Amino acid sequence: MPATNQLAGVRKQVKELQKQAQGEVLTQVNAFDQKLQGLAGAQGRRPGAGNEAPSLGGMRTRLLALLGVFQEADVAPTTQATSAVDELEQQLPPLMQRWGSMKSQDLPALNTQLRNAHLPEIKLEAIEEE
């Protein structure tokens, strides 16, 4: 949840920069936005058939759906629900590594270009872990 919230805050700033940037800086802002969009994926809708690429938004939606399944029944989880949790646990670390890499490498590089173009830098909002 904190990662998806932080990513959404970065995307909001990128959308504003797309209105201001020009030339090569705009190209770099757009490329960064494409990476963000790929990592964010779709959220807020029902999980798909499972053929979508793993994303933080999709992961969030699937976890919330599983939570609903677990809360609806006063019985032991089904083997399908248990295996879905295991699958999601395997998909999460690579997604978090991608987000960490974007924050530690891609974002500072883009901020340098923005600074050189006298545009506002993208700031990571501090989101507390819940």
N, C-alpha and C. Protein backbone atom coordinates (compact mmCIF):
# COMPACT_ATOMS: atom_id res chain seq x y z
N MET A 1 0.81 -1.19 0.00
CA MET A 1 0.00 0.00 0.00
C MET A 1 0.87 1.27 0.00
N PRO A 2 1.88 1.36 0.87
CA PRO A 2 2.71 2.57 0.83
C PRO A 2 3.38 2.78 -0.52
N ALA A 3 3.84 1.70 -1.15
CA ALA A 3 4.50 1.83 -2.45
C ALA A 3 3.53 2.33 -3.51
N THR A 4 2.30 1.81 -3.55
CA THR A 4 1.34 2.26 -4.55
C THR A 4 0.95 3.72 -4.30
N ASN A 5 0.85 4.12 -3.05
CA ASN A 5 0.53 5.52 -2.74
C ASN A 5 1.67 6.44 -3.15
N GLN A 6 2.89 6.03 -2.88
CA GLN A 6 4.04 6.84 -3.24
C GLN A 6 4.16 6.94 -4.76
N LEU A 7 3.96 5.83 -5.44
CA LEU A 7 4.03 5.81 -6.89
C LEU A 7 2.96 6.73 -7.50
N ALA A 8 1.77 6.72 -6.93
CA ALA A 8 0.69 7.59 -7.41
C ALA A 8 1.08 9.06 -7.24
N GLY A 9 1.73 9.39 -6.13
CA GLY A 9 2.18 10.77 -5.92
C GLY A 9 3.22 11.20 -6.93
N VAL A 10 4.12 10.30 -7.28
CA VAL A 10 5.14 10.59 -8.29
C VAL A 10 4.48 10.78 -9.65
N ARG A 11 3.53 9.91 -9.98
CA ARG A 11 2.86 10.01 -11.28
C ARG A 11 2.11 11.34 -11.41
N LYS A 12 1.52 11.81 -10.32
CA LYS A 12 0.81 13.08 -10.34
C LYS A 12 1.78 14.22 -10.68
N GLN A 13 2.96 14.19 -10.07
CA GLN A 13 3.97 15.21 -10.36
C GLN A 13 4.45 15.12 -11.81
N VAL A 14 4.61 13.90 -12.31
CA VAL A 14 5.05 13.71 -13.69
C VAL A 14 4.03 14.29 -14.66
N LYS A 15 2.75 14.09 -14.39
CA LYS A 15 1.69 14.64 -15.26
C LYS A 15 1.80 16.16 -15.34
N GLU A 16 2.11 16.80 -14.22
CA GLU A 16 2.27 18.26 -14.23
C GLU A 16 3.51 18.66 -15.03
N LEU A 17 4.59 17.88 -14.89
CA LEU A 17 5.82 18.19 -15.63
C LEU A 17 5.63 18.02 -17.13
N GLN A 18 4.79 17.09 -17.54
CA GLN A 18 4.55 16.88 -18.97
C GLN A 18 3.95 18.12 -19.62
N LYS A 19 3.29 18.95 -18.85
CA LYS A 19 2.71 20.19 -19.36
C LYS A 19 3.77 21.28 -19.52
N GLN A 20 4.88 21.16 -18.76
CA GLN A 20 5.89 22.21 -18.73
C GLN A 20 7.15 21.88 -19.54
N ALA A 21 7.52 20.62 -19.57
CA ALA A 21 8.79 20.22 -20.18
C ALA A 21 8.71 20.28 -21.71
N GLN A 22 9.89 20.43 -22.30
CA GLN A 22 9.99 20.48 -23.76
C GLN A 22 11.23 19.71 -24.20
N GLY A 23 11.24 19.34 -25.47
CA GLY A 23 12.42 18.75 -26.09
C GLY A 23 12.85 17.44 -25.43
N GLU A 24 14.16 17.32 -25.22
CA GLU A 24 14.75 16.10 -24.65
C GLU A 24 14.26 15.84 -23.23
N VAL A 25 14.05 16.90 -22.46
CA VAL A 25 13.55 16.73 -21.09
C VAL A 25 12.15 16.11 -21.12
N LEU A 26 11.31 16.57 -22.02
CA LEU A 26 9.97 16.00 -22.15
C LEU A 26 10.06 14.52 -22.56
N THR A 27 10.97 14.21 -23.44
CA THR A 27 11.17 12.81 -23.85
C THR A 27 11.54 11.96 -22.65
N GLN A 28 12.44 12.46 -21.80
CA GLN A 28 12.86 11.72 -20.61
C GLN A 28 11.72 11.60 -19.59
N VAL A 29 10.95 12.66 -19.43
CA VAL A 29 9.80 12.63 -18.51
C VAL A 29 8.79 11.60 -19.01
N ASN A 30 8.54 11.58 -20.32
CA ASN A 30 7.59 10.61 -20.89
C ASN A 30 8.09 9.17 -20.72
N ALA A 31 9.39 8.96 -20.91
CA ALA A 31 9.96 7.62 -20.75
C ALA A 31 9.83 7.16 -19.29
N PHE A 32 10.08 8.07 -18.36
CA PHE A 32 9.93 7.74 -16.94
C PHE A 32 8.47 7.42 -16.63
N ASP A 33 7.56 8.20 -17.20
CA ASP A 33 6.13 7.95 -16.98
C ASP A 33 5.73 6.57 -17.50
N GLN A 34 6.27 6.16 -18.63
CA GLN A 34 5.97 4.83 -19.17
C GLN A 34 6.42 3.74 -18.20
N LYS A 35 7.61 3.92 -17.60
CA LYS A 35 8.09 2.96 -16.61
C LYS A 35 7.17 2.94 -15.40
N LEU A 36 6.77 4.12 -14.95
CA LEU A 36 5.86 4.21 -13.81
C LEU A 36 4.53 3.52 -14.12
N GLN A 37 4.03 3.76 -15.31
CA GLN A 37 2.74 3.18 -15.70
C GLN A 37 2.84 1.65 -15.73
N GLY A 38 3.95 1.13 -16.24
CA GLY A 38 4.13 -0.31 -16.27
C GLY A 38 4.19 -0.92 -14.88
N LEU A 39 4.84 -0.22 -13.98
CA LEU A 39 4.94 -0.71 -12.61
C LEU A 39 3.63 -0.54 -11.84
N ALA A 40 2.95 0.58 -12.08
CA ALA A 40 1.69 0.84 -11.39
C ALA A 40 0.60 -0.11 -11.85
N GLY A 41 0.52 -0.35 -13.15
CA GLY A 41 -0.52 -1.23 -13.67
C GLY A 41 -1.90 -0.69 -13.38
N ALA A 42 -2.88 -1.56 -13.46
CA ALA A 42 -4.26 -1.17 -13.20
C ALA A 42 -4.60 -1.48 -11.76
N GLN A 43 -5.31 -0.58 -11.15
CA GLN A 43 -5.78 -0.85 -9.79
C GLN A 43 -7.19 -0.32 -9.66
N GLY A 44 -7.88 -0.84 -8.68
CA GLY A 44 -9.23 -0.36 -8.45
C GLY A 44 -10.29 -1.08 -9.26
N ARG A 45 -9.90 -2.11 -9.96
CA ARG A 45 -10.90 -2.88 -10.69
C ARG A 45 -10.71 -4.35 -10.33
N ARG A 46 -11.67 -5.16 -10.73
CA ARG A 46 -11.57 -6.59 -10.42
C ARG A 46 -10.33 -7.18 -11.06
N PRO A 47 -9.68 -8.12 -10.38
CA PRO A 47 -8.52 -8.78 -10.97
C PRO A 47 -8.90 -9.48 -12.26
N GLY A 48 -7.96 -9.44 -13.22
CA GLY A 48 -8.20 -10.08 -14.51
C GLY A 48 -8.02 -11.58 -14.44
N ALA A 49 -7.92 -12.17 -15.60
CA ALA A 49 -7.83 -13.62 -15.71
C ALA A 49 -6.47 -14.15 -15.29
N GLY A 50 -5.57 -13.28 -14.91
CA GLY A 50 -4.26 -13.73 -14.47
C GLY A 50 -3.21 -13.64 -15.55
N ASN A 51 -3.57 -13.12 -16.73
CA ASN A 51 -2.60 -13.02 -17.81
C ASN A 51 -1.98 -11.64 -17.91
N GLU A 52 -2.29 -10.76 -16.98
CA GLU A 52 -1.69 -9.43 -16.96
C GLU A 52 -0.31 -9.51 -16.32
N ALA A 53 0.60 -8.65 -16.80
CA ALA A 53 1.93 -8.60 -16.20
C ALA A 53 1.80 -8.16 -14.75
N PRO A 54 2.61 -8.71 -13.86
CA PRO A 54 2.54 -8.29 -12.46
C PRO A 54 2.81 -6.78 -12.33
N SER A 55 2.03 -6.13 -11.50
CA SER A 55 2.20 -4.70 -11.24
C SER A 55 1.79 -4.43 -9.80
N LEU A 56 2.23 -3.29 -9.29
CA LEU A 56 1.86 -2.95 -7.91
C LEU A 56 0.37 -2.71 -7.78
N GLY A 57 -0.25 -2.06 -8.75
CA GLY A 57 -1.68 -1.84 -8.70
C GLY A 57 -2.46 -3.13 -8.77
N GLY A 58 -2.06 -4.01 -9.67
CA GLY A 58 -2.71 -5.31 -9.78
C GLY A 58 -2.52 -6.14 -8.53
N MET A 59 -1.32 -6.06 -7.97
CA MET A 59 -1.01 -6.79 -6.73
C MET A 59 -1.91 -6.29 -5.60
N ARG A 60 -2.06 -5.00 -5.49
CA ARG A 60 -2.91 -4.42 -4.45
C ARG A 60 -4.35 -4.90 -4.59
N THR A 61 -4.86 -4.86 -5.82
CA THR A 61 -6.24 -5.30 -6.08
C THR A 61 -6.42 -6.76 -5.72
N ARG A 62 -5.48 -7.59 -6.13
CA ARG A 62 -5.60 -9.03 -5.86
C ARG A 62 -5.50 -9.32 -4.35
N LEU A 63 -4.61 -8.61 -3.66
CA LEU A 63 -4.50 -8.82 -2.22
C LEU A 63 -5.78 -8.40 -1.49
N LEU A 64 -6.36 -7.29 -1.90
CA LEU A 64 -7.61 -6.85 -1.28
C LEU A 64 -8.74 -7.83 -1.57
N ALA A 65 -8.76 -8.39 -2.78
CA ALA A 65 -9.78 -9.39 -3.11
C ALA A 65 -9.60 -10.64 -2.24
N LEU A 66 -8.35 -11.07 -2.06
CA LEU A 66 -8.09 -12.23 -1.20
C LEU A 66 -8.48 -11.96 0.24
N LEU A 67 -8.20 -10.76 0.71
CA LEU A 67 -8.58 -10.40 2.07
C LEU A 67 -10.09 -10.54 2.23
N GLY A 68 -10.83 -10.10 1.23
CA GLY A 68 -12.28 -10.24 1.27
C GLY A 68 -12.71 -11.70 1.35
N VAL A 69 -12.03 -12.55 0.59
CA VAL A 69 -12.34 -13.98 0.62
C VAL A 69 -12.10 -14.55 2.01
N PHE A 70 -10.98 -14.18 2.61
CA PHE A 70 -10.65 -14.70 3.94
C PHE A 70 -11.61 -14.19 5.02
N GLN A 71 -12.06 -12.95 4.87
CA GLN A 71 -12.94 -12.38 5.88
C GLN A 71 -14.38 -12.87 5.76
N GLU A 72 -14.77 -13.36 4.59
CA GLU A 72 -16.16 -13.77 4.38
C GLU A 72 -16.49 -15.13 5.00
N ALA A 73 -15.49 -15.93 5.26
CA ALA A 73 -15.77 -17.29 5.72
C ALA A 73 -15.12 -17.56 7.07
N ASP A 74 -15.83 -18.32 7.88
CA ASP A 74 -15.29 -18.72 9.18
C ASP A 74 -14.76 -20.15 9.14
N VAL A 75 -14.15 -20.48 8.00
CA VAL A 75 -13.57 -21.81 7.82
C VAL A 75 -12.13 -21.64 7.35
N ALA A 76 -11.41 -22.72 7.33
CA ALA A 76 -10.02 -22.69 6.85
C ALA A 76 -10.00 -22.26 5.38
N PRO A 77 -8.97 -21.52 4.97
CA PRO A 77 -8.89 -21.10 3.57
C PRO A 77 -8.81 -22.29 2.62
N THR A 78 -9.35 -22.11 1.44
CA THR A 78 -9.29 -23.16 0.43
C THR A 78 -7.86 -23.28 -0.08
N THR A 79 -7.57 -24.38 -0.74
CA THR A 79 -6.23 -24.56 -1.31
C THR A 79 -5.97 -23.53 -2.41
N GLN A 80 -7.03 -23.12 -3.13
CA GLN A 80 -6.88 -22.10 -4.17
C GLN A 80 -6.47 -20.76 -3.56
N ALA A 81 -7.12 -20.39 -2.46
CA ALA A 81 -6.79 -19.13 -1.81
C ALA A 81 -5.38 -19.17 -1.25
N THR A 82 -5.01 -20.29 -0.66
CA THR A 82 -3.66 -20.44 -0.11
C THR A 82 -2.61 -20.36 -1.21
N SER A 83 -2.87 -21.01 -2.33
CA SER A 83 -1.89 -20.96 -3.43
C SER A 83 -1.84 -19.57 -4.05
N ALA A 84 -2.95 -18.84 -4.05
CA ALA A 84 -2.95 -17.47 -4.57
C ALA A 84 -2.07 -16.57 -3.70
N VAL A 85 -2.14 -16.77 -2.39
CA VAL A 85 -1.28 -16.00 -1.48
C VAL A 85 0.18 -16.32 -1.75
N ASP A 86 0.50 -17.60 -1.92
CA ASP A 86 1.89 -17.99 -2.21
C ASP A 86 2.38 -17.37 -3.51
N GLU A 87 1.52 -17.36 -4.52
CA GLU A 87 1.88 -16.78 -5.82
C GLU A 87 2.17 -15.28 -5.68
N LEU A 88 1.30 -14.59 -4.95
CA LEU A 88 1.50 -13.15 -4.76
C LEU A 88 2.76 -12.86 -3.96
N GLU A 89 3.04 -13.69 -2.98
CA GLU A 89 4.26 -13.50 -2.19
C GLU A 89 5.52 -13.65 -3.05
N GLN A 90 5.46 -14.45 -4.09
CA GLN A 90 6.60 -14.61 -4.99
C GLN A 90 6.71 -13.44 -5.96
N GLN A 91 5.58 -12.85 -6.34
CA GLN A 91 5.59 -11.75 -7.30
C GLN A 91 5.98 -10.41 -6.68
N LEU A 92 5.76 -10.25 -5.40
CA LEU A 92 5.98 -8.95 -4.77
C LEU A 92 7.45 -8.52 -4.72
N PRO A 93 8.41 -9.35 -4.30
CA PRO A 93 9.79 -8.86 -4.21
C PRO A 93 10.35 -8.27 -5.51
N PRO A 94 10.16 -8.91 -6.68
CA PRO A 94 10.68 -8.28 -7.90
C PRO A 94 10.05 -6.92 -8.20
N LEU A 95 8.75 -6.78 -7.90
CA LEU A 95 8.09 -5.49 -8.10
C LEU A 95 8.68 -4.43 -7.19
N MET A 96 8.90 -4.79 -5.94
CA MET A 96 9.48 -3.84 -4.99
C MET A 96 10.92 -3.49 -5.37
N GLN A 97 11.65 -4.45 -5.93
CA GLN A 97 13.01 -4.17 -6.40
C GLN A 97 12.98 -3.19 -7.57
N ARG A 98 12.02 -3.37 -8.49
CA ARG A 98 11.88 -2.42 -9.61
C ARG A 98 11.59 -1.02 -9.09
N TRP A 99 10.68 -0.92 -8.13
CA TRP A 99 10.33 0.39 -7.57
C TRP A 99 11.54 0.99 -6.86
N GLY A 100 12.26 0.17 -6.10
CA GLY A 100 13.46 0.66 -5.43
C GLY A 100 14.50 1.16 -6.42
N SER A 101 14.68 0.45 -7.51
CA SER A 101 15.63 0.86 -8.54
C SER A 101 15.21 2.16 -9.20
N MET A 102 13.92 2.30 -9.45
CA MET A 102 13.44 3.54 -10.05
C MET A 102 13.67 4.72 -9.11
N LYS A 103 13.45 4.49 -7.81
CA LYS A 103 13.64 5.57 -6.84
C LYS A 103 15.12 5.91 -6.67
N SER A 104 15.99 4.92 -6.71
CA SER A 104 17.40 5.17 -6.42
C SER A 104 18.23 5.52 -7.65
N GLN A 105 17.75 5.16 -8.86
CA GLN A 105 18.54 5.42 -10.07
C GLN A 105 17.82 6.32 -11.06
N ASP A 106 16.64 5.89 -11.51
CA ASP A 106 15.94 6.64 -12.56
C ASP A 106 15.49 8.02 -12.09
N LEU A 107 14.92 8.09 -10.91
CA LEU A 107 14.41 9.36 -10.41
C LEU A 107 15.53 10.39 -10.19
N PRO A 108 16.65 10.04 -9.53
CA PRO A 108 17.72 11.03 -9.39
C PRO A 108 18.27 11.51 -10.74
N ALA A 109 18.37 10.61 -11.72
CA ALA A 109 18.86 11.00 -13.05
C ALA A 109 17.89 11.98 -13.71
N LEU A 110 16.60 11.69 -13.60
CA LEU A 110 15.60 12.59 -14.18
C LEU A 110 15.60 13.93 -13.44
N ASN A 111 15.72 13.90 -12.12
CA ASN A 111 15.75 15.15 -11.36
C ASN A 111 16.93 16.02 -11.74
N THR A 112 18.05 15.42 -12.08
CA THR A 112 19.21 16.19 -12.54
C THR A 112 18.86 16.92 -13.83
N GLN A 113 18.21 16.22 -14.76
CA GLN A 113 17.80 16.86 -16.01
C GLN A 113 16.78 17.96 -15.76
N LEU A 114 15.86 17.71 -14.86
CA LEU A 114 14.86 18.73 -14.55
C LEU A 114 15.50 19.97 -13.94
N ARG A 115 16.43 19.74 -13.02
CA ARG A 115 17.14 20.84 -12.38
C ARG A 115 17.88 21.67 -13.43
N ASN A 116 18.57 20.98 -14.36
CA ASN A 116 19.32 21.68 -15.41
C ASN A 116 18.40 22.46 -16.34
N ALA A 117 17.16 22.01 -16.49
CA ALA A 117 16.18 22.70 -17.34
C ALA A 117 15.37 23.72 -16.55
N HIS A 118 15.74 23.94 -15.28
CA HIS A 118 15.05 24.89 -14.40
C HIS A 118 13.57 24.54 -14.23
N LEU A 119 13.31 23.23 -14.10
CA LEU A 119 11.96 22.74 -13.83
C LEU A 119 11.92 22.14 -12.43
N PRO A 120 10.74 22.06 -11.83
CA PRO A 120 10.65 21.49 -10.48
C PRO A 120 11.03 20.01 -10.48
N GLU A 121 11.74 19.62 -9.45
CA GLU A 121 12.13 18.23 -9.31
C GLU A 121 10.95 17.42 -8.77
N ILE A 122 11.01 16.12 -9.04
CA ILE A 122 9.99 15.21 -8.52
C ILE A 122 10.40 14.82 -7.12
N LYS A 123 9.48 14.96 -6.19
CA LYS A 123 9.76 14.64 -4.79
C LYS A 123 9.00 13.38 -4.39
N LEU A 124 9.69 12.52 -3.66
CA LEU A 124 9.03 11.34 -3.11
C LEU A 124 8.33 11.74 -1.84
N GLU A 125 7.05 11.49 -1.79
CA GLU A 125 6.31 11.78 -0.57
C GLU A 125 6.61 10.71 0.45
N ALA A 126 6.83 11.13 1.67
CA ALA A 126 7.09 10.18 2.75
C ALA A 126 5.78 9.52 3.12
N ILE A 127 5.69 8.23 2.88
CA ILE A 127 4.51 7.46 3.22
C ILE A 127 4.92 6.50 4.35
N GLU A 128 4.24 6.59 5.44
CA GLU A 128 4.57 5.73 6.56
C GLU A 128 4.11 4.31 6.29
N GLU A 129 4.95 3.35 6.67
CA GLU A 129 4.58 1.94 6.56
C GLU A 129 3.46 1.66 7.52
N GLU A 130 2.46 0.92 7.05
CA GLU A 130 1.33 0.59 7.93
C GLU A 130 1.48 -0.80 8.47
